Amino acid sequence: MRDEESTSYTGAIEQAEAFGQRIYQEARRRGMYRAGEVCVLGDGASWIWNIADEQFYGAIQIVDLYHAREHYWKVAKACFGQNNERLHQWTEERCRELDDGKVEEVIKVINQCLSLPGGDRAICEKESGYFEKDKKRMRYADFRRRGFFVGSGVLEAGCRTVIGQRLKQSGMHWTVRGANSIIALRCCIMSNRWEDFWENRAAA
């Protein structure tokens, strides 16, 4: 269950290694070491799993379900793009398989598309490899049974709220230093730590 008032934010424009240390410190502040289980939820980018392995060793790793769905859609569009009925039938079947955590079935059917006349072999091979590489992170039925989130919507909404609404307005220009200062303040405000921020500033 997500406690609506408990969400906290941290961020900056920085290299992945520095961000990994930043997110680890926030997790510690939030009581990670008191948690029975720890999860890292990401969109499938390799740098995210590198951070998970380095900073959250042993955590359960989950690929965002909606990003995973985009990958079988790429195969569908490449192989059945001219046949709407077949495209939707094929993707609905993959959707059910993925929701059930049956990633091997998704891989099997994508590999079958390699021999389709007019299909895009390169896309099929690439997406089959994607599912093969991350299949242990896609056991969605099991994750749901255990009460884990499988979608990163809260995170993406946070990016829009904390970053987009302030830094991406029309006509705005920022230096990295200036943007990071604003991001730090926004994170304090949105995390209900504004008074703590000023108390720490005064103490310094």
N, C-alpha and C. Protein backbone atom coordinates (compact mmCIF):
# COMPACT_ATOMS: atom_id res chain seq x y z
N MET A 1 0.84 -1.20 0.00
CA MET A 1 0.00 0.00 0.00
C MET A 1 0.87 1.24 0.00
N ARG A 2 0.45 2.21 -0.76
CA ARG A 2 1.20 3.46 -0.80
C ARG A 2 0.54 4.47 0.13
N ASP A 3 1.33 5.02 1.04
CA ASP A 3 0.86 6.09 1.91
C ASP A 3 0.98 7.39 1.14
N GLU A 4 -0.15 7.98 0.80
CA GLU A 4 -0.18 9.16 -0.08
C GLU A 4 0.65 10.32 0.46
N GLU A 5 0.78 10.43 1.77
CA GLU A 5 1.51 11.55 2.36
C GLU A 5 2.99 11.26 2.57
N SER A 6 3.43 10.08 2.18
CA SER A 6 4.80 9.69 2.53
C SER A 6 5.81 9.87 1.41
N THR A 7 5.35 10.17 0.20
CA THR A 7 6.27 10.26 -0.94
C THR A 7 7.31 11.34 -0.71
N SER A 8 8.56 11.01 -0.99
CA SER A 8 9.63 12.01 -0.90
C SER A 8 10.42 12.01 -2.21
N TYR A 9 11.11 13.10 -2.46
CA TYR A 9 11.78 13.30 -3.73
C TYR A 9 13.23 13.70 -3.51
N THR A 10 14.08 13.27 -4.42
CA THR A 10 15.46 13.73 -4.45
C THR A 10 15.90 13.70 -5.90
N GLY A 11 16.80 14.58 -6.27
CA GLY A 11 17.21 14.59 -7.67
C GLY A 11 18.20 15.69 -7.98
N ALA A 12 18.81 15.59 -9.14
CA ALA A 12 19.74 16.59 -9.65
C ALA A 12 20.10 16.21 -11.07
N ILE A 13 20.66 17.16 -11.79
CA ILE A 13 21.24 16.88 -13.11
C ILE A 13 22.68 16.45 -12.85
N GLU A 14 22.94 15.16 -12.96
CA GLU A 14 24.26 14.64 -12.59
C GLU A 14 24.48 13.28 -13.23
N GLN A 15 25.69 12.77 -13.11
CA GLN A 15 26.03 11.46 -13.64
C GLN A 15 25.33 10.37 -12.83
N ALA A 16 25.15 9.21 -13.46
CA ALA A 16 24.43 8.11 -12.82
C ALA A 16 25.07 7.68 -11.51
N GLU A 17 26.40 7.67 -11.44
CA GLU A 17 27.07 7.24 -10.22
C GLU A 17 26.72 8.14 -9.05
N ALA A 18 26.74 9.45 -9.29
CA ALA A 18 26.38 10.40 -8.23
C ALA A 18 24.91 10.25 -7.86
N PHE A 19 24.06 10.03 -8.85
CA PHE A 19 22.64 9.85 -8.57
C PHE A 19 22.41 8.58 -7.74
N GLY A 20 23.17 7.53 -8.03
CA GLY A 20 23.05 6.30 -7.26
C GLY A 20 23.31 6.53 -5.79
N GLN A 21 24.35 7.31 -5.49
CA GLN A 21 24.65 7.63 -4.09
C GLN A 21 23.55 8.49 -3.48
N ARG A 22 23.01 9.40 -4.27
CA ARG A 22 21.93 10.29 -3.80
C ARG A 22 20.68 9.48 -3.43
N ILE A 23 20.30 8.57 -4.31
CA ILE A 23 19.06 7.82 -4.07
C ILE A 23 19.25 6.83 -2.91
N TYR A 24 20.47 6.33 -2.75
CA TYR A 24 20.78 5.46 -1.62
C TYR A 24 20.63 6.21 -0.30
N GLN A 25 21.15 7.43 -0.24
CA GLN A 25 21.04 8.24 0.98
C GLN A 25 19.58 8.54 1.31
N GLU A 26 18.78 8.80 0.29
CA GLU A 26 17.35 9.05 0.53
C GLU A 26 16.67 7.78 1.05
N ALA A 27 17.03 6.64 0.47
CA ALA A 27 16.45 5.37 0.93
C ALA A 27 16.83 5.09 2.39
N ARG A 28 18.05 5.37 2.74
CA ARG A 28 18.48 5.20 4.14
C ARG A 28 17.70 6.14 5.06
N ARG A 29 17.54 7.39 4.64
CA ARG A 29 16.81 8.36 5.44
C ARG A 29 15.37 7.90 5.66
N ARG A 30 14.82 7.24 4.64
CA ARG A 30 13.43 6.78 4.71
C ARG A 30 13.27 5.49 5.50
N GLY A 31 14.39 4.90 5.98
CA GLY A 31 14.30 3.70 6.80
C GLY A 31 14.44 2.40 6.05
N MET A 32 15.22 2.41 4.98
CA MET A 32 15.38 1.20 4.16
C MET A 32 15.82 0.00 5.00
N TYR A 33 16.68 0.22 5.97
CA TYR A 33 17.22 -0.92 6.71
C TYR A 33 16.23 -1.50 7.71
N ARG A 34 15.09 -0.85 7.87
CA ARG A 34 14.02 -1.43 8.70
C ARG A 34 13.01 -2.20 7.85
N ALA A 35 13.17 -2.12 6.53
CA ALA A 35 12.20 -2.75 5.63
C ALA A 35 12.42 -4.26 5.56
N GLY A 36 11.34 -4.99 5.49
CA GLY A 36 11.44 -6.44 5.33
C GLY A 36 11.95 -6.81 3.95
N GLU A 37 11.52 -6.08 2.95
CA GLU A 37 11.97 -6.31 1.57
C GLU A 37 12.18 -4.97 0.89
N VAL A 38 13.15 -4.91 0.01
CA VAL A 38 13.48 -3.69 -0.73
C VAL A 38 13.33 -3.98 -2.22
N CYS A 39 12.70 -3.07 -2.95
CA CYS A 39 12.52 -3.21 -4.40
C CYS A 39 13.14 -2.01 -5.12
N VAL A 40 13.66 -2.28 -6.30
CA VAL A 40 14.06 -1.21 -7.21
C VAL A 40 13.23 -1.38 -8.47
N LEU A 41 12.48 -0.35 -8.82
CA LEU A 41 11.58 -0.37 -9.98
C LEU A 41 12.12 0.60 -11.02
N GLY A 42 12.36 0.12 -12.24
CA GLY A 42 12.93 0.99 -13.27
C GLY A 42 12.41 0.66 -14.64
N ASP A 43 12.81 1.47 -15.61
CA ASP A 43 12.28 1.31 -16.97
C ASP A 43 13.09 0.34 -17.83
N GLY A 44 14.10 -0.28 -17.26
CA GLY A 44 14.86 -1.29 -18.01
C GLY A 44 16.22 -0.81 -18.47
N ALA A 45 16.57 0.46 -18.27
CA ALA A 45 17.88 0.96 -18.69
C ALA A 45 18.97 0.31 -17.86
N SER A 46 20.08 -0.03 -18.49
CA SER A 46 21.15 -0.76 -17.81
C SER A 46 21.71 0.01 -16.62
N TRP A 47 21.81 1.35 -16.74
CA TRP A 47 22.41 2.12 -15.64
C TRP A 47 21.59 2.02 -14.36
N ILE A 48 20.27 1.82 -14.50
CA ILE A 48 19.42 1.67 -13.31
C ILE A 48 19.77 0.39 -12.57
N TRP A 49 19.95 -0.70 -13.32
CA TRP A 49 20.27 -1.98 -12.67
C TRP A 49 21.69 -1.96 -12.12
N ASN A 50 22.58 -1.18 -12.73
CA ASN A 50 23.92 -1.02 -12.15
C ASN A 50 23.83 -0.36 -10.78
N ILE A 51 23.00 0.68 -10.68
CA ILE A 51 22.79 1.34 -9.38
C ILE A 51 22.17 0.35 -8.39
N ALA A 52 21.18 -0.42 -8.86
CA ALA A 52 20.52 -1.39 -7.97
C ALA A 52 21.53 -2.39 -7.42
N ASP A 53 22.41 -2.88 -8.29
CA ASP A 53 23.40 -3.87 -7.86
C ASP A 53 24.43 -3.26 -6.89
N GLU A 54 24.80 -2.01 -7.15
CA GLU A 54 25.84 -1.38 -6.33
C GLU A 54 25.29 -0.83 -5.01
N GLN A 55 24.15 -0.16 -5.06
CA GLN A 55 23.63 0.55 -3.88
C GLN A 55 22.55 -0.22 -3.13
N PHE A 56 21.89 -1.14 -3.80
CA PHE A 56 20.77 -1.87 -3.18
C PHE A 56 20.94 -3.36 -3.41
N TYR A 57 22.11 -3.85 -3.07
CA TYR A 57 22.43 -5.26 -3.31
C TYR A 57 21.40 -6.17 -2.64
N GLY A 58 20.89 -7.12 -3.41
CA GLY A 58 19.90 -8.05 -2.89
C GLY A 58 18.47 -7.59 -3.03
N ALA A 59 18.26 -6.35 -3.47
CA ALA A 59 16.90 -5.85 -3.64
C ALA A 59 16.21 -6.56 -4.81
N ILE A 60 14.90 -6.66 -4.74
CA ILE A 60 14.11 -7.21 -5.84
C ILE A 60 14.07 -6.16 -6.95
N GLN A 61 14.39 -6.56 -8.16
CA GLN A 61 14.43 -5.64 -9.29
C GLN A 61 13.23 -5.91 -10.20
N ILE A 62 12.50 -4.84 -10.54
CA ILE A 62 11.28 -4.96 -11.34
C ILE A 62 11.33 -3.97 -12.50
N VAL A 63 11.13 -4.48 -13.72
CA VAL A 63 10.99 -3.61 -14.89
C VAL A 63 9.56 -3.07 -14.92
N ASP A 64 9.42 -1.77 -15.07
CA ASP A 64 8.10 -1.15 -15.20
C ASP A 64 7.29 -1.88 -16.27
N LEU A 65 6.12 -2.36 -15.90
CA LEU A 65 5.29 -3.15 -16.80
C LEU A 65 4.96 -2.41 -18.09
N TYR A 66 4.70 -1.13 -17.99
CA TYR A 66 4.24 -0.38 -19.16
C TYR A 66 5.38 -0.13 -20.15
N HIS A 67 6.61 -0.02 -19.65
CA HIS A 67 7.75 0.05 -20.55
C HIS A 67 7.97 -1.30 -21.24
N ALA A 68 7.78 -2.38 -20.50
CA ALA A 68 7.94 -3.72 -21.09
C ALA A 68 6.93 -3.93 -22.21
N ARG A 69 5.70 -3.46 -22.01
CA ARG A 69 4.67 -3.62 -23.04
C ARG A 69 5.06 -2.88 -24.33
N GLU A 70 5.73 -1.76 -24.20
CA GLU A 70 6.15 -1.00 -25.39
C GLU A 70 7.04 -1.85 -26.30
N HIS A 71 7.78 -2.78 -25.71
CA HIS A 71 8.73 -3.57 -26.49
C HIS A 71 8.04 -4.63 -27.34
N TYR A 72 6.98 -5.28 -26.83
CA TYR A 72 6.31 -6.22 -27.73
C TYR A 72 5.47 -5.47 -28.75
N TRP A 73 5.06 -4.24 -28.43
CA TRP A 73 4.35 -3.43 -29.42
C TRP A 73 5.25 -3.08 -30.60
N LYS A 74 6.53 -2.90 -30.34
CA LYS A 74 7.46 -2.63 -31.45
C LYS A 74 7.49 -3.80 -32.43
N VAL A 75 7.48 -5.01 -31.90
CA VAL A 75 7.44 -6.20 -32.75
C VAL A 75 6.13 -6.25 -33.53
N ALA A 76 5.03 -5.99 -32.84
CA ALA A 76 3.71 -6.04 -33.49
C ALA A 76 3.63 -5.06 -34.65
N LYS A 77 4.10 -3.84 -34.43
CA LYS A 77 4.03 -2.83 -35.48
C LYS A 77 4.93 -3.19 -36.66
N ALA A 78 6.09 -3.80 -36.34
CA ALA A 78 7.03 -4.17 -37.40
C ALA A 78 6.51 -5.34 -38.24
N CYS A 79 5.76 -6.25 -37.60
CA CYS A 79 5.33 -7.47 -38.30
C CYS A 79 3.88 -7.44 -38.78
N PHE A 80 3.02 -6.68 -38.07
CA PHE A 80 1.59 -6.68 -38.41
C PHE A 80 1.04 -5.28 -38.60
N GLY A 81 1.90 -4.34 -38.88
CA GLY A 81 1.49 -2.93 -38.95
C GLY A 81 0.39 -2.65 -39.95
N GLN A 82 0.29 -3.46 -40.99
CA GLN A 82 -0.72 -3.24 -42.02
C GLN A 82 -2.02 -4.02 -41.77
N ASN A 83 -2.03 -4.78 -40.69
CA ASN A 83 -3.19 -5.62 -40.38
C ASN A 83 -3.64 -5.32 -38.95
N ASN A 84 -4.54 -4.36 -38.81
CA ASN A 84 -4.95 -3.90 -37.48
C ASN A 84 -5.56 -5.01 -36.63
N GLU A 85 -6.37 -5.84 -37.24
CA GLU A 85 -7.02 -6.91 -36.48
C GLU A 85 -5.99 -7.88 -35.92
N ARG A 86 -5.06 -8.29 -36.76
CA ARG A 86 -4.00 -9.21 -36.32
C ARG A 86 -3.10 -8.55 -35.29
N LEU A 87 -2.78 -7.28 -35.49
CA LEU A 87 -1.92 -6.55 -34.55
C LEU A 87 -2.54 -6.53 -33.16
N HIS A 88 -3.81 -6.19 -33.07
CA HIS A 88 -4.45 -6.09 -31.75
C HIS A 88 -4.66 -7.46 -31.11
N GLN A 89 -4.96 -8.46 -31.90
CA GLN A 89 -5.10 -9.81 -31.36
C GLN A 89 -3.76 -10.29 -30.80
N TRP A 90 -2.69 -10.05 -31.56
CA TRP A 90 -1.35 -10.50 -31.15
C TRP A 90 -0.90 -9.78 -29.88
N THR A 91 -1.13 -8.48 -29.81
CA THR A 91 -0.68 -7.73 -28.63
C THR A 91 -1.51 -8.05 -27.39
N GLU A 92 -2.80 -8.32 -27.56
CA GLU A 92 -3.63 -8.70 -26.41
C GLU A 92 -3.17 -10.02 -25.81
N GLU A 93 -2.75 -10.94 -26.67
CA GLU A 93 -2.24 -12.22 -26.18
C GLU A 93 -0.94 -12.01 -25.41
N ARG A 94 -0.05 -11.15 -25.94
CA ARG A 94 1.22 -10.86 -25.25
C ARG A 94 0.96 -10.14 -23.93
N CYS A 95 -0.06 -9.29 -23.92
CA CYS A 95 -0.40 -8.55 -22.70
C CYS A 95 -0.78 -9.52 -21.59
N ARG A 96 -1.62 -10.50 -21.91
CA ARG A 96 -2.04 -11.49 -20.91
C ARG A 96 -0.85 -12.31 -20.42
N GLU A 97 0.01 -12.72 -21.37
CA GLU A 97 1.19 -13.51 -20.98
C GLU A 97 2.11 -12.72 -20.06
N LEU A 98 2.34 -11.46 -20.40
CA LEU A 98 3.25 -10.64 -19.60
C LEU A 98 2.65 -10.37 -18.22
N ASP A 99 1.35 -10.06 -18.18
CA ASP A 99 0.68 -9.83 -16.88
C ASP A 99 0.80 -11.06 -15.99
N ASP A 100 0.79 -12.25 -16.60
CA ASP A 100 0.91 -13.49 -15.85
C ASP A 100 2.36 -13.84 -15.53
N GLY A 101 3.29 -13.00 -16.00
CA GLY A 101 4.71 -13.26 -15.75
C GLY A 101 5.29 -14.36 -16.62
N LYS A 102 4.58 -14.74 -17.68
CA LYS A 102 5.04 -15.82 -18.57
C LYS A 102 5.93 -15.24 -19.67
N VAL A 103 7.08 -14.76 -19.28
CA VAL A 103 7.96 -14.05 -20.21
C VAL A 103 8.50 -15.00 -21.28
N GLU A 104 8.73 -16.25 -20.91
CA GLU A 104 9.23 -17.22 -21.89
C GLU A 104 8.26 -17.38 -23.06
N GLU A 105 6.95 -17.29 -22.78
CA GLU A 105 5.96 -17.39 -23.85
C GLU A 105 6.07 -16.19 -24.79
N VAL A 106 6.28 -15.02 -24.22
CA VAL A 106 6.45 -13.81 -25.04
C VAL A 106 7.67 -13.96 -25.93
N ILE A 107 8.77 -14.42 -25.36
CA ILE A 107 10.01 -14.61 -26.13
C ILE A 107 9.80 -15.63 -27.24
N LYS A 108 9.12 -16.72 -26.92
CA LYS A 108 8.88 -17.79 -27.90
C LYS A 108 8.12 -17.26 -29.11
N VAL A 109 7.07 -16.49 -28.86
CA VAL A 109 6.24 -15.99 -29.95
C VAL A 109 6.99 -14.92 -30.76
N ILE A 110 7.77 -14.09 -30.09
CA ILE A 110 8.57 -13.10 -30.83
C ILE A 110 9.56 -13.82 -31.74
N ASN A 111 10.17 -14.89 -31.25
CA ASN A 111 11.13 -15.64 -32.07
C ASN A 111 10.44 -16.29 -33.27
N GLN A 112 9.18 -16.66 -33.10
CA GLN A 112 8.43 -17.22 -34.23
C GLN A 112 8.22 -16.18 -35.32
N CYS A 113 8.19 -14.92 -34.92
CA CYS A 113 8.00 -13.84 -35.90
C CYS A 113 9.21 -13.64 -36.80
N LEU A 114 10.35 -14.21 -36.40
CA LEU A 114 11.58 -14.06 -37.20
C LEU A 114 11.40 -14.61 -38.61
N SER A 115 10.55 -15.63 -38.74
CA SER A 115 10.38 -16.28 -40.05
C SER A 115 9.19 -15.75 -40.83
N LEU A 116 8.50 -14.73 -40.29
CA LEU A 116 7.35 -14.18 -41.00
C LEU A 116 7.79 -13.44 -42.26
N PRO A 117 7.10 -13.68 -43.38
CA PRO A 117 7.43 -12.91 -44.59
C PRO A 117 7.09 -11.43 -44.38
N GLY A 118 8.04 -10.57 -44.69
CA GLY A 118 7.81 -9.13 -44.55
C GLY A 118 8.05 -8.61 -43.15
N GLY A 119 8.37 -9.49 -42.20
CA GLY A 119 8.65 -9.05 -40.84
C GLY A 119 10.03 -8.41 -40.74
N ASP A 120 10.25 -7.67 -39.70
CA ASP A 120 11.54 -7.01 -39.48
C ASP A 120 12.37 -7.88 -38.53
N ARG A 121 13.28 -8.63 -39.11
CA ARG A 121 14.09 -9.58 -38.33
C ARG A 121 14.93 -8.88 -37.26
N ALA A 122 15.49 -7.73 -37.61
CA ALA A 122 16.37 -7.02 -36.67
C ALA A 122 15.60 -6.60 -35.41
N ILE A 123 14.38 -6.09 -35.60
CA ILE A 123 13.57 -5.67 -34.45
C ILE A 123 13.18 -6.88 -33.61
N CYS A 124 12.80 -7.95 -34.25
CA CYS A 124 12.41 -9.16 -33.51
C CYS A 124 13.57 -9.68 -32.66
N GLU A 125 14.75 -9.72 -33.24
CA GLU A 125 15.93 -10.20 -32.51
C GLU A 125 16.26 -9.28 -31.34
N LYS A 126 16.18 -7.98 -31.59
CA LYS A 126 16.49 -7.01 -30.53
C LYS A 126 15.50 -7.14 -29.37
N GLU A 127 14.21 -7.22 -29.67
CA GLU A 127 13.21 -7.26 -28.61
C GLU A 127 13.17 -8.62 -27.90
N SER A 128 13.45 -9.68 -28.63
CA SER A 128 13.57 -10.99 -27.98
C SER A 128 14.71 -10.95 -26.97
N GLY A 129 15.82 -10.32 -27.36
CA GLY A 129 16.96 -10.17 -26.44
C GLY A 129 16.62 -9.33 -25.23
N TYR A 130 15.80 -8.31 -25.43
CA TYR A 130 15.39 -7.45 -24.32
C TYR A 130 14.63 -8.26 -23.27
N PHE A 131 13.65 -9.05 -23.72
CA PHE A 131 12.86 -9.84 -22.78
C PHE A 131 13.70 -10.94 -22.14
N GLU A 132 14.59 -11.52 -22.90
CA GLU A 132 15.46 -12.57 -22.36
C GLU A 132 16.34 -12.01 -21.25
N LYS A 133 16.91 -10.84 -21.48
CA LYS A 133 17.83 -10.23 -20.52
C LYS A 133 17.13 -9.88 -19.21
N ASP A 134 15.87 -9.43 -19.30
CA ASP A 134 15.19 -8.91 -18.11
C ASP A 134 14.07 -9.81 -17.61
N LYS A 135 14.03 -11.07 -18.03
CA LYS A 135 12.86 -11.89 -17.70
C LYS A 135 12.68 -12.09 -16.20
N LYS A 136 13.77 -12.15 -15.44
CA LYS A 136 13.62 -12.34 -13.99
C LYS A 136 13.02 -11.10 -13.33
N ARG A 137 13.08 -9.97 -14.04
CA ARG A 137 12.52 -8.72 -13.52
C ARG A 137 11.08 -8.50 -13.99
N MET A 138 10.50 -9.50 -14.64
CA MET A 138 9.17 -9.37 -15.24
C MET A 138 8.19 -10.42 -14.74
N ARG A 139 8.38 -10.94 -13.56
CA ARG A 139 7.46 -11.95 -13.01
C ARG A 139 6.30 -11.22 -12.33
N TYR A 140 5.49 -10.56 -13.16
CA TYR A 140 4.51 -9.61 -12.64
C TYR A 140 3.44 -10.25 -11.77
N ALA A 141 2.98 -11.43 -12.12
CA ALA A 141 1.95 -12.08 -11.30
C ALA A 141 2.50 -12.35 -9.90
N ASP A 142 3.72 -12.81 -9.82
CA ASP A 142 4.35 -13.07 -8.53
C ASP A 142 4.56 -11.78 -7.75
N PHE A 143 5.03 -10.74 -8.45
CA PHE A 143 5.25 -9.45 -7.78
C PHE A 143 3.95 -8.92 -7.19
N ARG A 144 2.87 -9.02 -7.95
CA ARG A 144 1.58 -8.53 -7.46
C ARG A 144 1.10 -9.34 -6.25
N ARG A 145 1.28 -10.65 -6.31
CA ARG A 145 0.88 -11.50 -5.19
C ARG A 145 1.62 -11.09 -3.91
N ARG A 146 2.84 -10.62 -4.09
CA ARG A 146 3.66 -10.24 -2.94
C ARG A 146 3.45 -8.77 -2.54
N GLY A 147 2.55 -8.09 -3.25
CA GLY A 147 2.19 -6.74 -2.88
C GLY A 147 3.10 -5.65 -3.41
N PHE A 148 3.91 -5.97 -4.43
CA PHE A 148 4.83 -4.98 -4.98
C PHE A 148 4.17 -4.18 -6.10
N PHE A 149 4.63 -2.96 -6.28
CA PHE A 149 4.22 -2.16 -7.44
C PHE A 149 4.93 -2.68 -8.69
N VAL A 150 4.25 -2.62 -9.82
CA VAL A 150 4.87 -3.04 -11.08
C VAL A 150 4.89 -1.90 -12.10
N GLY A 151 4.42 -0.72 -11.71
CA GLY A 151 4.42 0.43 -12.61
C GLY A 151 5.10 1.62 -11.96
N SER A 152 5.81 2.40 -12.77
CA SER A 152 6.58 3.54 -12.26
C SER A 152 5.84 4.86 -12.44
N GLY A 153 4.50 4.81 -12.49
CA GLY A 153 3.71 6.03 -12.71
C GLY A 153 3.93 7.10 -11.65
N VAL A 154 4.10 6.69 -10.39
CA VAL A 154 4.32 7.66 -9.31
C VAL A 154 5.62 8.43 -9.56
N LEU A 155 6.65 7.70 -9.98
CA LEU A 155 7.94 8.33 -10.27
C LEU A 155 7.83 9.30 -11.44
N GLU A 156 7.18 8.87 -12.51
CA GLU A 156 7.08 9.73 -13.68
C GLU A 156 6.23 10.96 -13.39
N ALA A 157 5.18 10.79 -12.59
CA ALA A 157 4.39 11.95 -12.18
C ALA A 157 5.24 12.90 -11.34
N GLY A 158 6.10 12.33 -10.50
CA GLY A 158 7.00 13.15 -9.69
C GLY A 158 7.95 13.97 -10.55
N CYS A 159 8.46 13.38 -11.61
CA CYS A 159 9.35 14.11 -12.53
C CYS A 159 8.62 15.30 -13.14
N ARG A 160 7.37 15.09 -13.52
CA ARG A 160 6.59 16.19 -14.10
C ARG A 160 6.30 17.27 -13.05
N THR A 161 5.95 16.84 -11.84
CA THR A 161 5.57 17.79 -10.80
C THR A 161 6.76 18.57 -10.26
N VAL A 162 7.82 17.85 -9.93
CA VAL A 162 8.98 18.48 -9.29
C VAL A 162 9.84 19.22 -10.31
N ILE A 163 10.09 18.61 -11.45
CA ILE A 163 11.01 19.18 -12.44
C ILE A 163 10.26 19.95 -13.52
N GLY A 164 9.35 19.25 -14.21
CA GLY A 164 8.72 19.82 -15.39
C GLY A 164 7.96 21.11 -15.14
N GLN A 165 7.17 21.14 -14.07
CA GLN A 165 6.32 22.32 -13.81
C GLN A 165 7.14 23.57 -13.50
N ARG A 166 8.38 23.39 -13.05
CA ARG A 166 9.19 24.55 -12.67
C ARG A 166 10.29 24.88 -13.68
N LEU A 167 10.94 23.86 -14.21
CA LEU A 167 12.11 24.10 -15.05
C LEU A 167 11.83 24.06 -16.54
N LYS A 168 10.67 23.53 -16.94
CA LYS A 168 10.42 23.35 -18.37
C LYS A 168 9.35 24.29 -18.90
N GLN A 169 9.13 25.39 -18.22
CA GLN A 169 8.15 26.35 -18.72
C GLN A 169 8.69 27.07 -19.96
N SER A 170 7.79 27.58 -20.73
CA SER A 170 8.15 28.22 -22.00
C SER A 170 9.15 29.35 -21.79
N GLY A 171 10.21 29.34 -22.59
CA GLY A 171 11.19 30.43 -22.59
C GLY A 171 12.23 30.38 -21.49
N MET A 172 12.21 29.34 -20.66
CA MET A 172 13.16 29.27 -19.54
C MET A 172 14.51 28.75 -20.01
N HIS A 173 15.56 29.33 -19.43
CA HIS A 173 16.93 28.88 -19.70
C HIS A 173 17.63 28.73 -18.36
N TRP A 174 18.38 27.63 -18.21
CA TRP A 174 19.02 27.34 -16.93
C TRP A 174 20.46 26.93 -17.13
N THR A 175 21.33 27.31 -16.18
CA THR A 175 22.62 26.65 -16.07
C THR A 175 22.38 25.38 -15.25
N VAL A 176 23.28 24.42 -15.34
CA VAL A 176 23.13 23.20 -14.55
C VAL A 176 23.13 23.54 -13.06
N ARG A 177 24.03 24.44 -12.65
CA ARG A 177 24.09 24.82 -11.24
C ARG A 177 22.78 25.45 -10.77
N GLY A 178 22.25 26.37 -11.58
CA GLY A 178 21.00 27.02 -11.21
C GLY A 178 19.84 26.05 -11.17
N ALA A 179 19.80 25.15 -12.16
CA ALA A 179 18.73 24.16 -12.20
C ALA A 179 18.80 23.24 -10.98
N ASN A 180 20.01 22.82 -10.61
CA ASN A 180 20.15 21.93 -9.46
C ASN A 180 19.74 22.62 -8.15
N SER A 181 19.98 23.91 -8.07
CA SER A 181 19.54 24.65 -6.87
C SER A 181 18.02 24.65 -6.77
N ILE A 182 17.36 24.90 -7.91
CA ILE A 182 15.89 24.90 -7.92
C ILE A 182 15.36 23.49 -7.65
N ILE A 183 15.99 22.46 -8.24
CA ILE A 183 15.55 21.08 -8.01
C ILE A 183 15.64 20.74 -6.53
N ALA A 184 16.74 21.15 -5.88
CA ALA A 184 16.91 20.86 -4.45
C ALA A 184 15.79 21.50 -3.62
N LEU A 185 15.47 22.75 -3.96
CA LEU A 185 14.39 23.43 -3.24
C LEU A 185 13.04 22.78 -3.50
N ARG A 186 12.79 22.44 -4.76
CA ARG A 186 11.52 21.78 -5.10
C ARG A 186 11.37 20.45 -4.38
N CYS A 187 12.47 19.70 -4.30
CA CYS A 187 12.41 18.41 -3.60
C CYS A 187 12.08 18.61 -2.13
N CYS A 188 12.65 19.65 -1.52
CA CYS A 188 12.34 19.95 -0.12
C CYS A 188 10.87 20.29 0.06
N ILE A 189 10.37 21.15 -0.81
CA ILE A 189 8.96 21.56 -0.71
C ILE A 189 8.03 20.37 -0.90
N MET A 190 8.25 19.60 -1.96
CA MET A 190 7.35 18.50 -2.29
C MET A 190 7.47 17.33 -1.32
N SER A 191 8.59 17.28 -0.59
CA SER A 191 8.79 16.21 0.39
C SER A 191 8.40 16.65 1.80
N ASN A 192 7.81 17.86 1.90
CA ASN A 192 7.42 18.41 3.21
C ASN A 192 8.60 18.54 4.17
N ARG A 193 9.75 18.96 3.61
CA ARG A 193 10.94 19.15 4.43
C ARG A 193 11.46 20.59 4.33
N TRP A 194 10.58 21.52 4.01
CA TRP A 194 10.99 22.91 3.82
C TRP A 194 11.56 23.52 5.09
N GLU A 195 10.89 23.31 6.22
CA GLU A 195 11.37 23.86 7.49
C GLU A 195 12.69 23.20 7.90
N ASP A 196 12.82 21.91 7.64
CA ASP A 196 14.07 21.22 7.96
C ASP A 196 15.22 21.82 7.17
N PHE A 197 14.95 22.16 5.91
CA PHE A 197 15.98 22.75 5.05
C PHE A 197 16.51 24.05 5.66
N TRP A 198 15.60 24.93 6.09
CA TRP A 198 16.03 26.22 6.62
C TRP A 198 16.68 26.09 7.99
N GLU A 199 16.24 25.10 8.78
CA GLU A 199 16.89 24.86 10.06
C GLU A 199 18.34 24.40 9.86
N ASN A 200 18.54 23.53 8.86
CA ASN A 200 19.90 23.07 8.56
C ASN A 200 20.77 24.22 8.03
N ARG A 201 20.16 25.09 7.21
CA ARG A 201 20.90 26.25 6.69
C ARG A 201 21.32 27.18 7.84
N ALA A 202 20.40 27.38 8.77
CA ALA A 202 20.70 28.26 9.90
C ALA A 202 21.81 27.68 10.78
N ALA A 203 21.76 26.35 10.97
CA ALA A 203 22.77 25.69 11.80
C ALA A 203 24.14 25.75 11.15
N ALA A 204 24.17 25.71 9.80
CA ALA A 204 25.44 25.78 9.08
C ALA A 204 26.04 27.17 9.17
